[in-house]
Protein backbone atom coordinates (compact mmCIF):
# COMPACT_ATOMS: atom_id res chain seq x y z
CA MET A 1 -10.13 -38.29 -6.01
CA ALA A 2 -11.02 -36.51 -2.73
CA GLY A 3 -10.63 -39.89 -0.72
CA LEU A 4 -7.08 -40.05 -1.56
CA SER A 5 -4.62 -38.52 0.95
CA TRP A 6 -1.24 -36.85 0.58
CA LYS A 7 -0.22 -38.82 3.97
CA GLU A 8 -0.12 -42.15 1.84
CA ARG A 9 3.37 -42.65 1.11
CA GLU A 10 4.38 -42.18 -2.63
CA SER A 11 7.00 -44.83 -3.67
CA ASP A 12 10.44 -43.41 -4.69
CA ASP A 13 10.04 -44.99 -8.17
CA THR A 14 6.71 -43.41 -8.67
CA LEU A 15 8.27 -40.02 -7.66
CA ASP A 16 11.31 -40.31 -9.67
CA GLU A 17 9.25 -40.81 -12.77
CA THR A 18 7.10 -37.90 -12.22
CA ILE A 19 10.09 -35.76 -11.75
CA GLY A 20 11.72 -37.30 -14.84
CA LEU A 21 8.58 -36.51 -16.80
CA VAL A 22 8.40 -32.95 -15.54
CA ARG A 23 12.25 -32.47 -16.49
CA ALA A 24 11.62 -34.08 -20.02
CA SER A 25 8.60 -31.77 -20.77
CA GLY A 26 9.87 -28.68 -18.96
CA GLU A 27 10.74 -25.90 -21.62
CA PRO A 28 13.41 -23.51 -20.09
CA LEU A 29 12.17 -19.76 -19.92
CA PRO A 30 14.62 -16.68 -20.94
CA PRO A 31 15.46 -14.36 -18.21
CA LEU A 32 12.65 -12.09 -17.22
CA GLU A 33 14.72 -9.00 -18.54
CA ASP A 34 14.38 -10.35 -22.12
CA VAL A 35 10.63 -9.50 -21.94
CA GLU A 36 9.76 -10.27 -25.73
CA ALA A 37 11.28 -13.67 -25.70
CA PHE A 38 9.81 -14.63 -22.50
CA GLY A 39 6.51 -13.62 -23.54
CA ALA A 40 6.80 -15.34 -26.97
CA LEU A 41 6.68 -18.78 -25.20
CA PHE A 42 3.25 -18.17 -24.42
CA ASP A 43 1.95 -17.52 -28.07
CA ARG A 44 0.52 -21.12 -27.80
CA PHE A 45 -2.19 -19.66 -25.30
CA ALA A 46 -3.30 -16.84 -27.60
CA ASP A 47 -6.35 -18.59 -29.04
CA ALA A 48 -8.17 -18.61 -25.78
CA ARG A 49 -10.87 -16.05 -24.76
CA VAL A 50 -9.54 -15.80 -21.27
CA VAL A 51 -6.11 -16.36 -19.97
CA LEU A 52 -5.57 -16.81 -16.30
CA LEU A 53 -2.20 -15.98 -14.81
CA GLY A 54 -1.78 -17.02 -11.26
CA GLU A 55 0.77 -16.63 -8.36
CA ALA A 56 1.81 -18.79 -5.39
CA THR A 57 2.09 -15.52 -3.42
CA HIS A 58 0.91 -12.09 -3.25
CA GLY A 59 4.33 -10.49 -2.85
CA THR A 60 6.83 -12.15 -5.24
CA SER A 61 8.47 -9.92 -7.94
CA GLU A 62 9.06 -12.65 -10.48
CA PHE A 63 5.31 -13.51 -10.57
CA TYR A 64 4.48 -9.89 -11.29
CA ARG A 65 7.14 -9.60 -14.00
CA ALA A 66 6.22 -12.73 -15.65
CA ARG A 67 2.54 -12.03 -15.77
CA ALA A 68 3.31 -8.61 -17.28
CA ALA A 69 5.72 -10.09 -20.05
CA ILE A 70 2.85 -12.50 -20.96
CA THR A 71 0.38 -9.98 -20.89
CA ARG A 72 2.40 -7.50 -22.96
CA ARG A 73 2.63 -10.30 -25.74
CA LEU A 74 -1.02 -11.12 -25.65
CA VAL A 75 -2.06 -7.52 -25.80
CA GLU A 76 0.48 -6.51 -28.40
CA ARG A 77 0.43 -9.43 -30.69
CA HIS A 78 -2.73 -11.23 -29.96
CA GLY A 79 -5.52 -8.66 -29.50
CA PHE A 80 -6.29 -9.18 -25.79
CA CYS A 81 -7.93 -5.94 -24.52
CA ILE A 82 -8.67 -6.32 -20.92
CA VAL A 83 -6.42 -6.92 -18.09
CA ALA A 84 -8.55 -7.79 -15.03
CA VAL A 85 -6.74 -8.14 -11.54
CA GLU A 86 -7.69 -9.40 -7.99
CA ALA A 87 -7.92 -5.63 -6.73
CA ASP A 88 -10.74 -3.15 -5.76
CA TRP A 89 -12.69 -1.70 -8.48
CA PRO A 90 -12.40 2.07 -7.52
CA ASP A 91 -8.75 1.71 -7.10
CA ALA A 92 -8.12 -0.18 -10.42
CA ALA A 93 -10.23 2.45 -12.05
CA ARG A 94 -7.68 5.22 -11.33
CA ILE A 95 -5.19 2.91 -13.10
CA ASP A 96 -7.64 2.29 -16.02
CA ALA A 97 -8.03 6.03 -16.57
CA TYR A 98 -4.25 6.57 -16.62
CA VAL A 99 -3.63 3.96 -19.06
CA ARG A 100 -6.48 4.78 -21.39
CA HIS A 101 -5.87 8.43 -21.28
CA ARG A 102 -9.13 9.39 -19.69
CA PRO A 103 -10.19 11.80 -17.05
CA VAL A 104 -9.11 10.59 -13.47
CA PRO A 105 -12.08 9.79 -11.32
CA ASP A 106 -12.66 12.00 -8.41
CA GLY A 107 -11.56 11.11 -5.09
CA ASP A 108 -7.95 10.58 -3.56
CA ASP A 109 -5.14 11.14 -5.62
CA ALA A 110 -3.31 7.74 -5.39
CA ALA A 111 -4.58 4.31 -5.83
CA PHE A 112 -3.91 1.15 -3.32
CA GLN A 113 -3.17 2.94 -0.29
CA ARG A 114 -4.85 0.50 2.15
CA PHE A 115 -3.47 -2.71 3.51
CA PRO A 116 -1.97 -4.76 1.60
CA ALA A 117 -0.66 -1.75 -0.31
CA TRP A 118 2.62 -3.51 -1.59
CA MET A 119 0.05 -5.97 -3.42
CA TRP A 120 -0.47 -3.38 -6.08
CA ARG A 121 1.88 -0.29 -5.32
CA ASN A 122 4.97 -1.95 -6.40
CA GLU A 123 7.90 -1.31 -8.94
CA ASP A 124 6.65 -4.37 -11.29
CA VAL A 125 3.01 -3.19 -11.43
CA ALA A 126 3.84 0.30 -11.94
CA ASP A 127 6.43 -0.62 -14.93
CA PHE A 128 3.61 -2.59 -16.40
CA VAL A 129 1.05 0.15 -16.08
CA ASN A 130 3.27 2.67 -17.63
CA TRP A 131 3.89 0.28 -20.62
CA LEU A 132 -0.02 -0.19 -20.97
CA ARG A 133 -0.22 3.80 -21.06
CA ASP A 134 2.29 3.82 -23.70
CA HIS A 135 0.85 1.02 -25.70
CA ASN A 136 -2.45 3.02 -25.67
CA ARG A 137 -1.29 6.28 -26.78
CA GLU A 138 -1.64 6.23 -30.33
CA LYS A 139 -4.80 3.85 -30.42
CA PRO A 140 -8.41 5.07 -30.90
CA GLU A 141 -10.16 5.06 -27.75
CA GLU A 142 -12.43 2.16 -28.51
CA ALA A 143 -9.43 -0.03 -29.14
CA ARG A 144 -7.30 0.79 -26.14
CA ALA A 145 -6.63 -2.01 -23.42
CA GLU A 146 -8.26 -1.77 -20.00
CA PHE A 147 -7.04 -2.41 -16.39
CA ARG A 148 -9.61 -3.48 -14.08
CA GLY A 149 -10.34 -4.54 -10.64
CA LEU A 150 -12.51 -7.71 -9.96
CA ASP A 151 -12.76 -7.85 -6.11
CA VAL A 152 -15.49 -6.97 -3.62
CA TYR A 153 -13.99 -5.25 -0.77
CA SER A 154 -14.41 -1.58 -1.67
CA LEU A 155 -17.38 -0.82 0.36
CA ASN A 156 -16.57 2.83 1.07
CA GLY A 157 -14.86 3.84 -2.07
CA SER A 158 -17.76 2.24 -4.18
CA ILE A 159 -20.52 4.06 -2.25
CA GLN A 160 -18.83 7.16 -2.95
CA ALA A 161 -18.29 6.39 -6.41
CA VAL A 162 -21.90 6.02 -7.06
CA LEU A 163 -22.71 9.18 -5.05
CA ASP A 164 -20.20 11.41 -7.07
CA TYR A 165 -21.69 10.20 -10.32
CA LEU A 166 -25.08 10.79 -9.38
CA ASP A 167 -24.29 14.47 -7.97
CA LYS A 168 -23.18 15.01 -11.80
CA VAL A 169 -25.94 13.50 -13.57
CA ASP A 170 -29.06 13.22 -11.38
CA PRO A 171 -28.76 15.37 -8.12
CA GLU A 172 -32.10 14.33 -6.99
CA ALA A 173 -31.25 10.65 -7.22
CA ALA A 174 -28.15 11.39 -5.52
CA GLY A 175 -30.21 12.43 -2.46
CA GLU A 176 -32.16 9.21 -2.44
CA ALA A 177 -29.15 7.07 -2.87
CA ARG A 178 -27.54 8.89 0.16
CA GLY A 179 -30.41 7.81 2.07
CA ARG A 180 -30.32 4.02 1.08
CA TYR A 181 -26.69 4.06 1.78
CA GLY A 182 -27.05 5.68 4.91
CA CYS A 183 -28.10 2.15 6.25
CA LEU A 184 -24.60 1.31 6.21
CA SER A 185 -23.07 4.53 7.43
CA PRO A 186 -22.32 3.40 10.98
CA TRP A 187 -20.47 0.52 9.73
CA GLN A 188 -18.46 1.90 6.69
CA SER A 189 -15.21 2.12 8.35
CA ASP A 190 -15.52 -1.30 9.83
CA PRO A 191 -17.96 -3.46 7.62
CA ALA A 192 -17.19 -6.67 9.55
CA ARG A 193 -18.95 -4.88 12.65
CA TYR A 194 -22.13 -4.68 10.47
CA GLY A 195 -22.28 -8.32 9.73
CA ARG A 196 -21.68 -8.99 13.39
CA ALA A 197 -24.66 -6.64 14.29
CA VAL A 198 -26.98 -8.41 11.77
CA LEU A 199 -26.08 -11.84 12.87
CA THR A 200 -26.79 -10.82 16.71
CA GLY A 201 -29.90 -9.21 15.72
CA GLN A 202 -28.84 -5.61 16.65
CA LYS A 203 -29.28 -4.56 13.11
CA LYS A 204 -31.80 -5.32 10.07
CA PRO A 205 -30.02 -6.12 6.98
CA CYS A 206 -29.53 -3.30 4.33
CA ASP A 207 -29.75 -5.59 1.39
CA GLN A 208 -33.35 -4.40 -0.15
CA ALA A 209 -32.33 -0.75 0.00
CA LEU A 210 -29.13 -1.62 -1.77
CA LEU A 211 -30.98 -3.75 -4.28
CA LYS A 212 -33.53 -0.90 -4.92
CA GLN A 213 -30.48 1.60 -5.57
CA LEU A 214 -29.03 -0.87 -8.01
CA GLN A 215 -32.48 -1.29 -9.73
CA ASP A 216 -33.17 2.56 -9.79
CA LEU A 217 -29.58 3.09 -11.41
CA LEU A 218 -30.25 0.55 -14.07
CA GLY A 219 -34.02 1.76 -14.54
CA LYS A 220 -32.39 5.12 -15.78
CA ARG A 221 -29.74 3.71 -18.03
CA LEU A 222 -31.08 5.54 -21.27
CA ASP A 223 -31.13 8.86 -19.57
CA TYR A 224 -27.73 8.32 -18.08
CA PHE A 225 -26.09 7.06 -21.20
CA GLU A 226 -27.30 10.09 -23.15
CA ALA A 227 -25.57 12.22 -20.36
CA ASP A 228 -22.14 10.62 -20.36
CA GLY A 229 -22.01 8.23 -23.32
CA GLY A 230 -21.88 5.14 -21.16
CA GLU A 231 -18.44 4.94 -19.77
CA MET A 232 -19.21 6.66 -16.34
CA PHE A 233 -22.57 5.04 -16.15
CA PHE A 234 -20.89 1.34 -16.52
CA ASP A 235 -18.61 2.42 -13.58
CA ALA A 236 -21.35 3.69 -11.60
CA VAL A 237 -23.37 0.56 -12.06
CA GLN A 238 -20.30 -1.86 -11.29
CA ASN A 239 -19.92 0.20 -8.09
CA ALA A 240 -23.45 -0.18 -7.15
CA LYS A 241 -23.11 -3.89 -7.60
CA ILE A 242 -19.98 -3.85 -5.50
CA VAL A 243 -21.91 -2.23 -2.60
CA ARG A 244 -24.58 -4.73 -2.61
CA ALA A 245 -22.15 -7.55 -3.07
CA ALA A 246 -19.91 -6.28 -0.26
CA GLU A 247 -23.10 -6.06 2.06
CA HIS A 248 -23.94 -9.56 1.36
CA TYR A 249 -20.21 -10.69 1.98
CA TYR A 250 -19.95 -9.24 5.23
CA ARG A 251 -23.58 -10.34 6.48
CA ILE A 252 -22.51 -13.96 5.65
CA MET A 253 -18.79 -13.93 6.63
CA TYR A 254 -19.80 -15.21 9.92
CA GLU A 255 -21.87 -18.22 8.66
CA GLY A 256 -18.65 -19.68 7.29
CA ALA A 257 -15.93 -19.65 4.96
CA THR A 258 -17.37 -21.26 2.08
CA GLU A 259 -20.35 -19.02 1.64
CA SER A 260 -18.15 -15.88 1.73
CA TRP A 261 -15.49 -17.33 -0.47
CA ASN A 262 -18.06 -18.45 -3.09
CA LEU A 263 -19.83 -15.04 -3.15
CA ARG A 264 -16.37 -13.15 -3.73
CA ASP A 265 -15.45 -15.45 -6.57
CA ARG A 266 -18.85 -15.33 -8.25
CA HIS A 267 -18.82 -11.49 -8.11
CA MET A 268 -15.24 -11.69 -9.68
CA PHE A 269 -16.46 -13.81 -12.48
CA ASP A 270 -19.51 -11.83 -13.19
CA THR A 271 -17.35 -8.75 -13.31
CA LEU A 272 -15.05 -10.21 -15.92
CA GLN A 273 -18.10 -11.36 -17.73
CA SER A 274 -19.62 -7.77 -17.90
CA LEU A 275 -16.11 -6.54 -19.15
CA LEU A 276 -16.03 -8.91 -21.91
CA ASP A 277 -19.70 -8.40 -22.89
CA ARG A 278 -19.47 -4.93 -23.40
CA ARG A 279 -16.27 -5.01 -25.70
CA GLU A 280 -16.45 -6.07 -29.26
CA PRO A 281 -17.68 -9.77 -30.04
CA GLY A 282 -15.07 -12.17 -29.14
CA ALA A 283 -13.18 -9.52 -26.77
CA LYS A 284 -10.34 -11.53 -24.88
CA ALA A 285 -9.01 -10.87 -21.31
CA VAL A 286 -6.05 -11.55 -19.13
CA VAL A 287 -6.69 -12.18 -15.58
CA TRP A 288 -4.14 -11.65 -12.73
CA ALA A 289 -4.97 -13.48 -9.37
CA HIS A 290 -3.66 -15.79 -6.74
CA ASN A 291 -3.46 -19.47 -7.95
CA SER A 292 -6.10 -20.25 -5.33
CA HIS A 293 -8.59 -18.12 -7.41
CA ILE A 294 -7.54 -18.95 -10.93
CA GLY A 295 -6.81 -22.85 -10.70
CA ASN A 296 -9.80 -24.95 -11.07
CA ALA A 297 -11.22 -25.25 -7.41
CA ALA A 298 -12.76 -28.52 -8.10
CA ALA A 299 -9.28 -30.23 -8.44
CA THR A 300 -8.32 -29.00 -4.89
CA ALA A 301 -9.48 -29.33 -1.27
CA MET A 302 -11.14 -26.09 -1.49
CA GLY A 303 -13.82 -27.59 -4.01
CA TRP A 304 -14.07 -30.84 -2.22
CA GLN A 305 -15.44 -28.79 0.80
CA GLY A 306 -17.85 -26.97 -1.64
CA GLU A 307 -15.88 -23.83 -2.71
CA PHE A 308 -15.73 -22.73 -6.28
CA ASN A 309 -13.34 -19.97 -7.86
CA ILE A 310 -13.19 -17.88 -10.83
CA GLY A 311 -11.08 -20.61 -12.74
CA GLU A 312 -13.65 -23.06 -12.23
CA LEU A 313 -16.32 -20.75 -13.46
CA CYS A 314 -14.19 -19.74 -16.33
CA ARG A 315 -13.49 -23.42 -17.18
CA THR A 316 -17.44 -24.14 -17.04
CA ALA A 317 -18.27 -20.94 -19.13
CA PHE A 318 -15.60 -20.88 -21.58
CA ARG A 319 -14.27 -24.56 -21.67
CA ASP A 320 -11.41 -24.93 -23.85
CA GLU A 321 -11.05 -21.19 -24.66
CA ALA A 322 -10.25 -20.71 -20.87
CA VAL A 323 -6.42 -21.49 -20.08
CA LEU A 324 -5.46 -21.69 -16.24
CA ILE A 325 -1.65 -21.14 -15.77
CA GLY A 326 -0.25 -21.68 -12.34
CA PHE A 327 3.00 -20.35 -10.83
CA GLY A 328 5.21 -21.70 -8.10
CA THR A 329 8.49 -21.28 -6.33
CA ASP A 330 10.71 -23.39 -3.83
CA ARG A 331 12.49 -20.79 -1.76
CA GLY A 332 13.64 -17.16 -1.54
CA THR A 333 11.90 -14.04 0.10
CA VAL A 334 8.44 -12.60 0.09
CA ALA A 335 6.64 -9.43 0.87
CA ALA A 336 3.95 -10.32 3.44
CA ALA A 337 2.66 -9.56 6.82
CA SER A 338 2.42 -11.53 10.03
CA ASP A 339 -1.17 -10.67 10.56
CA TRP A 340 -3.81 -8.62 8.82
CA ASP A 341 -3.13 -4.92 8.97
CA ASP A 342 0.30 -5.38 10.29
CA PRO A 343 3.41 -3.95 8.69
CA MET A 344 4.85 -5.40 5.59
CA GLU A 345 8.03 -7.38 6.16
CA ILE A 346 10.46 -9.14 4.01
CA LYS A 347 10.27 -13.03 4.92
CA ASP A 348 12.30 -15.92 3.89
CA ILE A 349 10.32 -18.43 2.17
CA ARG A 350 10.95 -22.00 3.58
CA PRO A 351 12.01 -24.69 0.92
CA ALA A 352 9.14 -26.62 -0.18
CA ARG A 353 7.84 -29.74 1.76
CA SER A 354 8.89 -33.19 0.27
CA ASP A 355 5.51 -34.38 -0.17
CA SER A 356 4.34 -31.37 -2.23
CA HIS A 357 3.95 -30.49 -6.00
CA GLU A 358 6.70 -27.86 -5.47
CA ARG A 359 9.16 -30.43 -4.63
CA VAL A 360 8.57 -32.21 -7.78
CA PHE A 361 9.43 -29.19 -9.96
CA ARG A 362 12.15 -28.10 -7.77
CA ASP A 363 13.63 -31.63 -8.27
CA ALA A 364 13.49 -31.49 -11.99
CA GLY A 365 16.34 -29.32 -11.95
CA LEU A 366 15.49 -26.80 -14.84
CA GLY A 367 15.66 -23.63 -12.45
CA ARG A 368 13.11 -21.46 -14.52
CA PHE A 369 10.76 -23.26 -16.80
CA LEU A 370 7.26 -23.78 -18.23
CA THR A 371 5.52 -27.08 -18.19
CA GLU A 372 2.21 -27.64 -20.08
CA TRP A 373 0.06 -30.85 -20.19
CA ARG A 374 -2.64 -29.86 -22.47
CA GLY A 375 -3.11 -32.33 -25.44
CA SER A 376 -3.13 -36.13 -26.15
CA GLY A 377 0.72 -36.03 -26.51
CA ARG A 378 1.23 -35.32 -22.74
CA LEU A 379 -0.84 -38.08 -21.26
CA ALA A 380 2.04 -39.62 -19.17
CA LEU A 381 2.86 -36.33 -17.70
CA ARG A 382 -0.67 -35.48 -16.85
CA LYS A 383 -1.21 -38.96 -15.31
CA ALA A 384 1.94 -38.42 -13.35
CA LEU A 385 0.62 -35.01 -11.93
CA SER A 386 -2.80 -36.44 -11.12
CA ARG A 387 -1.83 -37.76 -7.91
CA PRO A 388 -3.02 -35.65 -4.97
CA ARG A 389 -0.12 -33.73 -3.35
CA LEU A 390 0.29 -30.81 -1.17
CA GLU A 391 0.52 -27.45 -2.85
CA ARG A 392 1.75 -24.01 -1.05
CA ALA A 393 -0.38 -20.92 -1.00
CA ILE A 394 0.88 -17.60 0.47
CA GLY A 395 -1.40 -14.75 0.44
CA VAL A 396 -0.75 -11.40 2.12
CA ILE A 397 -0.02 -13.27 5.43
CA TYR A 398 2.83 -15.56 5.85
CA ARG A 399 3.43 -17.63 9.09
CA PRO A 400 6.45 -19.73 8.35
CA ASP A 401 6.17 -21.46 11.76
CA THR A 402 2.96 -22.80 11.06
CA GLU A 403 3.49 -23.41 7.36
CA LEU A 404 1.86 -26.81 6.91
CA TYR A 405 -1.38 -25.68 8.35
CA SER A 406 -1.50 -22.17 7.38
CA HIS A 407 -0.28 -22.52 3.69
CA TYR A 408 -0.50 -25.70 2.38
CA PHE A 409 -3.69 -27.66 0.80
CA GLU A 410 -4.15 -30.71 -1.23
CA ALA A 411 -4.49 -30.52 -5.01
CA VAL A 412 -4.65 -32.64 -8.24
CA LEU A 413 -2.17 -30.34 -10.11
CA ALA A 414 -3.00 -31.83 -13.62
CA ASP A 415 -6.93 -30.90 -13.31
CA GLN A 416 -6.11 -27.63 -11.40
CA PHE A 417 -4.19 -25.99 -14.18
CA ASP A 418 -3.37 -26.44 -17.68
CA ALA A 419 0.23 -25.27 -17.45
CA PHE A 420 2.67 -24.13 -14.76
CA VAL A 421 5.52 -21.54 -14.55
CA TRP A 422 8.04 -22.44 -12.13
CA PHE A 423 10.96 -20.48 -10.43
CA ASP A 424 13.47 -22.28 -8.24
CA GLU A 425 14.19 -19.16 -6.17
CA THR A 426 12.34 -15.74 -6.05
CA ARG A 427 12.35 -12.59 -4.40
CA ALA A 428 10.23 -9.85 -2.71
CA VAL A 429 8.35 -7.14 -4.66
CA THR A 430 9.58 -3.59 -3.98
CA PRO A 431 7.10 -1.27 -2.70
CA LEU A 432 6.74 2.15 -4.37
CA THR A 433 8.25 5.12 -2.61
CA GLU A 434 7.49 9.06 -3.20
CA ALA A 435 10.20 9.18 -5.69
CA HIS A 436 8.82 6.81 -8.26
CA GLY A 437 6.04 9.57 -8.86
CA GLU A 438 8.45 12.22 -9.57
CA GLY A 439 8.19 13.67 -12.92
CA MET A 440 5.11 11.79 -13.74
CA PRO A 441 1.96 13.10 -15.44
CA GLU A 442 -0.57 14.60 -13.03
CA THR A 443 -2.68 11.58 -13.90
CA TYR A 444 -0.14 9.18 -12.28
CA PRO A 445 -2.56 6.71 -10.50
CA PHE A 446 -0.06 5.91 -7.54
CA GLY A 447 0.43 9.62 -6.48
CA LEU A 448 3.21 11.02 -4.50
């Protein structure tokens, strides 16, 4: 499959047949304002252990609102108890404390303040978070749904979280931890410099000290469990794992994109697995992440060059109990930056290329719809979507002038996802302002 190329001309008859099959199988979706009706169309996926919900950009309101509607349905009606997102663990921990009516962790009084803040500090996420808090209000603590971060970038925040925990339960161990984490101190504000220093021989790696810290924390689990009942200990262990993974990530990022990508997605999968394992047997989770993370990488150019992702790992681990749902759009606006750490802009999304999967869904002419190709009754559709075509991916950076090279990759959609949610036209997310926090409880995680 990898040997085929999107540059090979697809006949008009073949393309028309594919568009016709998508049109015939597409199920129109209700307006997003009708949250209950929208979510109800996804009941078919409720038997899964893990439902992974994607996005074609990190800054599109419809994707967030659709995932929120689907997740609400799965949590309310089908017992899903974990919402795991492509976000930093310590920031998500503040959201989790808020939605589960638990004490807010020490630290800054607002979550997700660093670039790209709009990815999680936006109106659509805030609406979902407030709904989840209300949903949990009358439930016993052990039955409340969690909101968790899966990512690996929170080196500073995770170090501080481990130290804050040990200061409470074991001040002597906190002193030892400060010594070990001191290995990273000169680089904490810019971890990429640490990776360069190790690569050029100016610095010895800190990995053994960080491993020893994690081992010591795990070695005292019985004492620490007795001190706090396990919730805070679990958080501290996860943060210690993140510190170790982040050190490794920044140390290998100069060796090639494949190694660092795989480390990051392996960490996200391991975190998801840990969250599931600590709940009751059969616990079920919803994952929110970019299409490039939740679609099966083995069916894309990423996989053909040696990368895997959380979607592929879930497919391997859970088989048919993992459902991978991609999202796409043709045009509209998106919140994105022109470069890393640049200001957020509202940018126009160019209409999809004629040699892309997006073109097929646009030309189906249904506007807003769900297409599923699981099951023996959809073999013709599955075959039609098994031709490699280009697929667009917009992250927190969008460069329309170099869109083909910056934002398109080759993929076999039928193997990448189990279903696809399509919106012809979409709009950018709206970042939160100070006014959104007015009148909220002191525990409101986004702050003022």
